[in-house]
Structure formats: structure tokens, C-alpha cells
Amino acid sequence: QVQLVESGGGLVQPGGSLRLSCAASSSIFSLYAMGWYRQAPGKQRELVAAITSGGDSNYADSVKGRFTISRDNAKNTVYLQMDSLKPEDTAVYYCNARYTPRNYWGQGTQVTVSS
């Protein structure tokens, strides 16, 4: 069992920045593909960004050029740098770790973009 603990959410004004962190309790963290998902009220959970064990990343079209996913295998941590935030980025953000067939989720962290 892998525990994922997210942090870094909060309230930010439009145009502002936040950095989310997700710490994993696994000695084989480097083997996991990691992802950030989000779920806004009344909407389905959607993939925001993902990074493979080899460091390749991909992004949802809505966040390309504004968000950056990265990982530090020495710290068992994945990050999501969010810049130029918009009100439509408001959601609960979840960290995901996948190493087939294993699949784990964090508890989520709220991000609210509002003036």
C-alpha cells in the first residue's frame, strides 16, 4: 500500500501561482507513473498532467503552457507548478500513483482561484 499526501493548495487570485506537492510512502517511487487530476463541483475527475517513471510528461490542453509537472525521486515527491491561474482551475486536485496493476490516490487538496 502506498500513501500519497498532497499539500500546497489554497486560495489565490486570478493570474497567481501555486505549487502542489505530493509525497509518496514507497521505496520504489521511481518506478511509478505519477499524475495530477482535478475534480470541480458537478464535473468528472479529469487528468491535468502526468509524468512517467522516465520523466516524460503530458498535459491537458487547458493547462498547457501554464502548469508544469516534475518529480524528485530522491524525495519521493511529485510537484505541480501552476502559473497564470484562472477561475476555471478551481477544483480539488488529486495525486495519483500507478505501477500496473497498482493504482493509488491521495486525499485531495483544494485549489480556489478567485478575486
C-alpha atoms as a PDB file:
ATOM      1  CA  GLN A   1       0.000   0.000   0.000  1.00  0.00           C
ATOM      2  CA  VAL A   2       1.296   3.456  -0.940  1.00  0.00           C
ATOM      3  CA  GLN A   3       0.161   6.560   0.881  1.00  0.00           C
ATOM      4  CA  LEU A   4       0.066   9.828  -1.037  1.00  0.00           C
ATOM      5  CA  VAL A   5      -0.092  13.122   0.851  1.00  0.00           C
ATOM      6  CA  GLU A   6      -0.840  16.286  -1.102  1.00  0.00           C
ATOM      7  CA  SER A   7      -0.094  19.795   0.070  1.00  0.00           C
ATOM      8  CA  GLY A   8       0.117  23.313  -1.299  1.00  0.00           C
ATOM      9  CA  GLY A   9      -3.480  24.069  -2.158  1.00  0.00           C
ATOM     10  CA  GLY A  10      -5.247  27.244  -1.155  1.00  0.00           C
ATOM     11  CA  LEU A  11      -6.893  30.438  -2.303  1.00  0.00           C
ATOM     12  CA  VAL A  12      -5.175  32.506  -4.971  1.00  0.00           C
ATOM     13  CA  GLN A  13      -6.184  35.422  -7.167  1.00  0.00           C
ATOM     14  CA  PRO A  14      -6.519  35.035 -10.920  1.00  0.00           C
ATOM     15  CA  GLY A  15      -3.112  35.252 -12.544  1.00  0.00           C
ATOM     16  CA  GLY A  16      -1.395  33.953  -9.442  1.00  0.00           C
ATOM     17  CA  SER A  17       0.657  30.819  -8.832  1.00  0.00           C
ATOM     18  CA  LEU A  18       0.612  27.793  -6.570  1.00  0.00           C
ATOM     19  CA  ARG A  19       2.830  24.749  -6.259  1.00  0.00           C
ATOM     20  CA  LEU A  20       1.283  21.465  -5.235  1.00  0.00           C
ATOM     21  CA  SER A  21       3.369  18.688  -3.722  1.00  0.00           C
ATOM     22  CA  CYS A  22       2.596  15.007  -3.335  1.00  0.00           C
ATOM     23  CA  ALA A  23       4.783  12.906  -1.072  1.00  0.00           C
ATOM     24  CA  ALA A  24       4.669   9.136  -1.533  1.00  0.00           C
ATOM     25  CA  SER A  25       5.468   6.460   1.019  1.00  0.00           C
ATOM     26  CA  SER A  26       7.165   3.991  -1.268  1.00  0.00           C
ATOM     27  CA  SER A  27      10.714   2.786  -1.649  1.00  0.00           C
ATOM     28  CA  ILE A  28      10.051   2.138  -5.326  1.00  0.00           C
ATOM     29  CA  PHE A  29       8.597   5.593  -6.058  1.00  0.00           C
ATOM     30  CA  SER A  30      10.856   5.969  -9.072  1.00  0.00           C
ATOM     31  CA  LEU A  31       9.038   3.105 -10.802  1.00  0.00           C
ATOM     32  CA  TYR A  32       5.630   4.747 -10.547  1.00  0.00           C
ATOM     33  CA  ALA A  33       3.976   6.872 -13.183  1.00  0.00           C
ATOM     34  CA  MET A  34       2.604   9.897 -11.353  1.00  0.00           C
ATOM     35  CA  GLY A  35      -0.283  12.137 -12.231  1.00  0.00           C
ATOM     36  CA  TRP A  36      -2.335  15.086 -11.068  1.00  0.00           C
ATOM     37  CA  TYR A  37      -6.082  15.015 -11.576  1.00  0.00           C
ATOM     38  CA  ARG A  38      -8.743  17.520 -10.622  1.00  0.00           C
ATOM     39  CA  GLN A  39     -12.451  17.475  -9.982  1.00  0.00           C
ATOM     40  CA  ALA A  40     -14.630  20.557  -9.949  1.00  0.00           C
ATOM     41  CA  PRO A  41     -18.119  20.533  -8.406  1.00  0.00           C
ATOM     42  CA  GLY A  42     -20.581  18.736 -10.659  1.00  0.00           C
ATOM     43  CA  LYS A  43     -17.880  17.603 -13.062  1.00  0.00           C
ATOM     44  CA  GLN A  44     -15.962  14.397 -13.660  1.00  0.00           C
ATOM     45  CA  ARG A  45     -12.437  13.946 -12.469  1.00  0.00           C
ATOM     46  CA  GLU A  46     -10.003  14.824 -15.250  1.00  0.00           C
ATOM     47  CA  LEU A  47      -6.309  14.358 -15.895  1.00  0.00           C
ATOM     48  CA  VAL A  48      -4.330  17.572 -15.549  1.00  0.00           C
ATOM     49  CA  ALA A  49      -0.744  16.360 -16.006  1.00  0.00           C
ATOM     50  CA  ALA A  50       1.235  13.142 -15.819  1.00  0.00           C
ATOM     51  CA  ILE A  51       4.866  12.133 -15.709  1.00  0.00           C
ATOM     52  CA  THR A  52       6.299   8.708 -16.422  1.00  0.00           C
ATOM     53  CA  SER A  53       8.989   6.925 -14.470  1.00  0.00           C
ATOM     54  CA  GLY A  54      11.374   8.040 -17.207  1.00  0.00           C
ATOM     55  CA  GLY A  55      10.417  11.694 -16.859  1.00  0.00           C
ATOM     56  CA  ASP A  56       8.214  12.131 -19.927  1.00  0.00           C
ATOM     57  CA  SER A  57       5.251  14.405 -19.272  1.00  0.00           C
ATOM     58  CA  ASN A  58       1.927  15.243 -20.838  1.00  0.00           C
ATOM     59  CA  TYR A  59      -0.728  17.845 -20.105  1.00  0.00           C
ATOM     60  CA  ALA A  60      -4.376  18.571 -20.621  1.00  0.00           C
ATOM     61  CA  ASP A  61      -4.845  21.137 -23.372  1.00  0.00           C
ATOM     62  CA  SER A  62      -6.450  23.519 -20.884  1.00  0.00           C
ATOM     63  CA  VAL A  63      -3.265  23.804 -18.810  1.00  0.00           C
ATOM     64  CA  LYS A  64      -0.510  23.542 -21.434  1.00  0.00           C
ATOM     65  CA  GLY A  65       1.963  26.374 -21.096  1.00  0.00           C
ATOM     66  CA  ARG A  66       0.706  27.273 -17.612  1.00  0.00           C
ATOM     67  CA  PHE A  67       1.294  24.149 -15.494  1.00  0.00           C
ATOM     68  CA  THR A  68       4.476  22.111 -15.080  1.00  0.00           C
ATOM     69  CA  ILE A  69       4.732  18.652 -13.547  1.00  0.00           C
ATOM     70  CA  SER A  70       8.031  17.422 -12.145  1.00  0.00           C
ATOM     71  CA  ARG A  71       9.312  14.730  -9.833  1.00  0.00           C
ATOM     72  CA  ASP A  72      12.147  14.320  -7.359  1.00  0.00           C
ATOM     73  CA  ASN A  73      12.793  10.625  -6.910  1.00  0.00           C
ATOM     74  CA  ALA A  74      15.257  11.249  -4.075  1.00  0.00           C
ATOM     75  CA  LYS A  75      12.423  12.859  -2.089  1.00  0.00           C
ATOM     76  CA  ASN A  76       9.637  10.521  -3.312  1.00  0.00           C
ATOM     77  CA  THR A  77       7.733  13.634  -4.330  1.00  0.00           C
ATOM     78  CA  VAL A  78       5.915  14.888  -7.407  1.00  0.00           C
ATOM     79  CA  TYR A  79       5.110  18.558  -7.939  1.00  0.00           C
ATOM     80  CA  LEU A  80       2.652  20.586  -9.952  1.00  0.00           C
ATOM     81  CA  GLN A  81       3.681  24.180 -10.571  1.00  0.00           C
ATOM     82  CA  MET A  82       0.603  26.164 -11.548  1.00  0.00           C
ATOM     83  CA  ASP A  83       1.046  29.622 -13.046  1.00  0.00           C
ATOM     84  CA  SER A  84      -1.360  32.107 -14.605  1.00  0.00           C
ATOM     85  CA  LEU A  85      -4.195  30.520 -12.693  1.00  0.00           C
ATOM     86  CA  LYS A  86      -7.751  31.059 -13.861  1.00  0.00           C
ATOM     87  CA  PRO A  87     -11.072  30.763 -12.020  1.00  0.00           C
ATOM     88  CA  GLU A  88     -11.832  27.665 -14.086  1.00  0.00           C
ATOM     89  CA  ASP A  89      -8.826  25.952 -12.473  1.00  0.00           C
ATOM     90  CA  THR A  90     -10.780  25.858  -9.211  1.00  0.00           C
ATOM     91  CA  ALA A  91     -11.130  22.224  -8.138  1.00  0.00           C
ATOM     92  CA  VAL A  92      -9.941  19.573  -5.751  1.00  0.00           C
ATOM     93  CA  TYR A  93      -6.597  18.315  -7.050  1.00  0.00           C
ATOM     94  CA  TYR A  94      -5.670  14.673  -6.543  1.00  0.00           C
ATOM     95  CA  CYS A  95      -2.329  12.944  -6.801  1.00  0.00           C
ATOM     96  CA  ASN A  96      -2.214   9.527  -8.476  1.00  0.00           C
ATOM     97  CA  ALA A  97       0.471   6.846  -8.481  1.00  0.00           C
ATOM     98  CA  ARG A  98       0.325   3.985 -10.950  1.00  0.00           C
ATOM     99  CA  TYR A  99       2.509   0.923 -11.340  1.00  0.00           C
ATOM    100  CA  THR A 100       0.291  -1.588 -13.044  1.00  0.00           C
ATOM    101  CA  PRO A 101      -1.696  -3.189 -11.537  1.00  0.00           C
ATOM    102  CA  ARG A 102      -1.202  -0.935  -8.534  1.00  0.00           C
ATOM    103  CA  ASN A 103      -3.099   2.364  -8.547  1.00  0.00           C
ATOM    104  CA  TYR A 104      -3.246   4.782  -5.610  1.00  0.00           C
ATOM    105  CA  TRP A 105      -4.900   8.137  -4.888  1.00  0.00           C
ATOM    106  CA  GLY A 106      -4.240  10.899  -2.433  1.00  0.00           C
ATOM    107  CA  GLN A 107      -6.932  12.562  -0.354  1.00  0.00           C
ATOM    108  CA  GLY A 108      -7.006  15.713  -2.486  1.00  0.00           C
ATOM    109  CA  THR A 109      -6.192  19.364  -1.907  1.00  0.00           C
ATOM    110  CA  GLN A 110      -8.496  22.281  -2.674  1.00  0.00           C
ATOM    111  CA  VAL A 111      -7.401  24.972  -5.110  1.00  0.00           C
ATOM    112  CA  THR A 112      -9.608  28.037  -5.363  1.00  0.00           C
ATOM    113  CA  VAL A 113      -8.901  30.796  -7.853  1.00  0.00           C
ATOM    114  CA  SER A 114     -10.949  33.857  -7.054  1.00  0.00           C
ATOM    115  CA  SER A 115     -10.649  37.589  -6.584  1.00  0.00           C
END
